[in-house]
Amino acid sequence: MEGLARLKVPGGKLIIVKLKYEKKIELLQILGDFFLYPEASLKKIEDSIVGMSIDATEAEISRRISEVSKSEGVEMIGITPESIAQTVVMAVKK
């Protein structure tokens, strides 16, 4: 199955998540008008979510994103790990 969701972060930027899934997230792409530094960390964040169960909670996904962000020294401007997680869950539910 495929999923697509958009979220306008209050006071922030637009996040778009495209994904493919069955019982687990198989492919994930995060797009939008946000800023992330270093840019290469976006792929690492996406890769950290791939393989997670489609039943994962926003908190579980957010925690995974936060772990990667901390280890990579990621700076997010206009988005948060929680807002990315919320958009991922929305994409699976649609």
Protein backbone atom coordinates (compact mmCIF):
# COMPACT_ATOMS: atom_id res chain seq x y z
CA MET A 1 0.00 0.00 0.00
CA GLU A 2 1.00 3.61 -0.43
CA GLY A 3 0.44 6.58 1.84
CA LEU A 4 0.76 10.34 1.51
CA ALA A 5 0.26 13.01 4.14
CA ARG A 6 0.89 16.74 4.47
CA LEU A 7 1.22 18.68 7.69
CA LYS A 8 1.66 22.42 8.13
CA VAL A 9 3.53 22.76 11.40
CA PRO A 10 1.96 25.58 13.47
CA GLY A 11 4.30 28.54 13.12
CA GLY A 12 6.60 26.36 11.05
CA LYS A 13 6.96 24.71 7.72
CA LEU A 14 5.23 22.14 5.49
CA ILE A 15 6.11 18.45 5.84
CA ILE A 16 5.10 15.91 3.20
CA VAL A 17 5.59 12.19 3.76
CA LYS A 18 5.28 9.62 0.98
CA LEU A 19 5.60 5.98 1.92
CA LYS A 20 5.00 2.39 0.89
CA TYR A 21 4.04 -0.20 3.45
CA GLU A 22 2.55 -3.58 4.20
CA LYS A 23 3.06 -4.61 7.83
CA LYS A 24 6.18 -2.49 8.02
CA ILE A 25 7.24 0.76 6.42
CA GLU A 26 9.14 -0.32 3.32
CA LEU A 27 9.96 2.98 1.63
CA LEU A 28 9.79 6.51 3.00
CA GLN A 29 10.43 9.96 1.60
CA ILE A 30 10.23 13.16 3.63
CA LEU A 31 9.72 16.36 1.64
CA GLY A 32 8.69 19.94 2.36
CA ASP A 33 9.86 23.51 2.75
CA PHE A 34 11.74 22.93 6.01
CA PHE A 35 15.47 23.19 6.66
CA LEU A 36 17.67 20.44 8.01
CA TYR A 37 21.40 20.63 8.61
CA PRO A 38 23.44 18.72 7.66
CA GLU A 39 21.28 17.92 4.62
CA ALA A 40 22.64 14.36 4.36
CA SER A 41 21.02 13.59 7.70
CA LEU A 42 17.56 13.53 6.08
CA LYS A 43 18.40 10.20 4.42
CA LYS A 44 19.56 8.81 7.77
CA ILE A 45 16.29 9.90 9.39
CA GLU A 46 14.28 8.29 6.58
CA ASP A 47 16.34 5.08 6.84
CA SER A 48 15.77 4.95 10.62
CA ILE A 49 11.99 4.83 10.09
CA VAL A 50 12.06 2.22 7.30
CA GLY A 51 11.42 -1.19 8.80
CA MET A 52 9.28 0.11 11.65
CA SER A 53 5.87 -1.47 12.14
CA ILE A 54 2.92 0.43 10.69
CA ASP A 55 1.47 0.19 14.20
CA ALA A 56 4.35 2.22 15.69
CA THR A 57 3.13 5.18 17.72
CA GLU A 58 4.04 8.80 17.13
CA ALA A 59 6.12 8.62 20.33
CA GLU A 60 8.09 5.59 19.09
CA ILE A 61 8.78 7.17 15.70
CA SER A 62 9.67 10.51 17.28
CA ARG A 63 12.08 8.79 19.67
CA ARG A 64 13.83 7.07 16.73
CA ILE A 65 14.12 10.39 14.86
CA SER A 66 15.44 12.12 18.00
CA GLU A 67 18.09 9.42 18.48
CA VAL A 68 19.36 9.82 14.92
CA SER A 69 19.22 13.60 15.16
CA LYS A 70 21.24 13.61 18.36
CA SER A 71 23.89 11.19 17.06
CA GLU A 72 24.21 13.13 13.78
CA GLY A 73 24.09 16.61 15.34
CA VAL A 74 21.04 17.52 13.26
CA GLU A 75 19.61 21.02 13.38
CA MET A 76 15.93 21.23 12.39
CA ILE A 77 14.43 24.56 11.42
CA GLY A 78 10.64 24.81 11.18
CA ILE A 79 10.00 21.15 12.09
CA THR A 80 10.49 18.77 15.00
CA PRO A 81 10.89 15.01 15.40
CA GLU A 82 7.32 15.00 16.74
CA SER A 83 5.92 16.75 13.66
CA ILE A 84 7.69 14.31 11.32
CA ALA A 85 6.35 11.37 13.37
CA GLN A 86 2.82 12.80 13.26
CA THR A 87 3.01 13.08 9.47
CA VAL A 88 4.31 9.50 9.13
CA VAL A 89 1.40 8.17 11.21
CA MET A 90 -1.06 10.22 9.14
CA ALA A 91 0.39 8.76 5.91
CA VAL A 92 -0.09 5.19 7.14
CA LYS A 93 -3.65 5.82 8.34
CA LYS A 94 -4.95 7.28 5.05
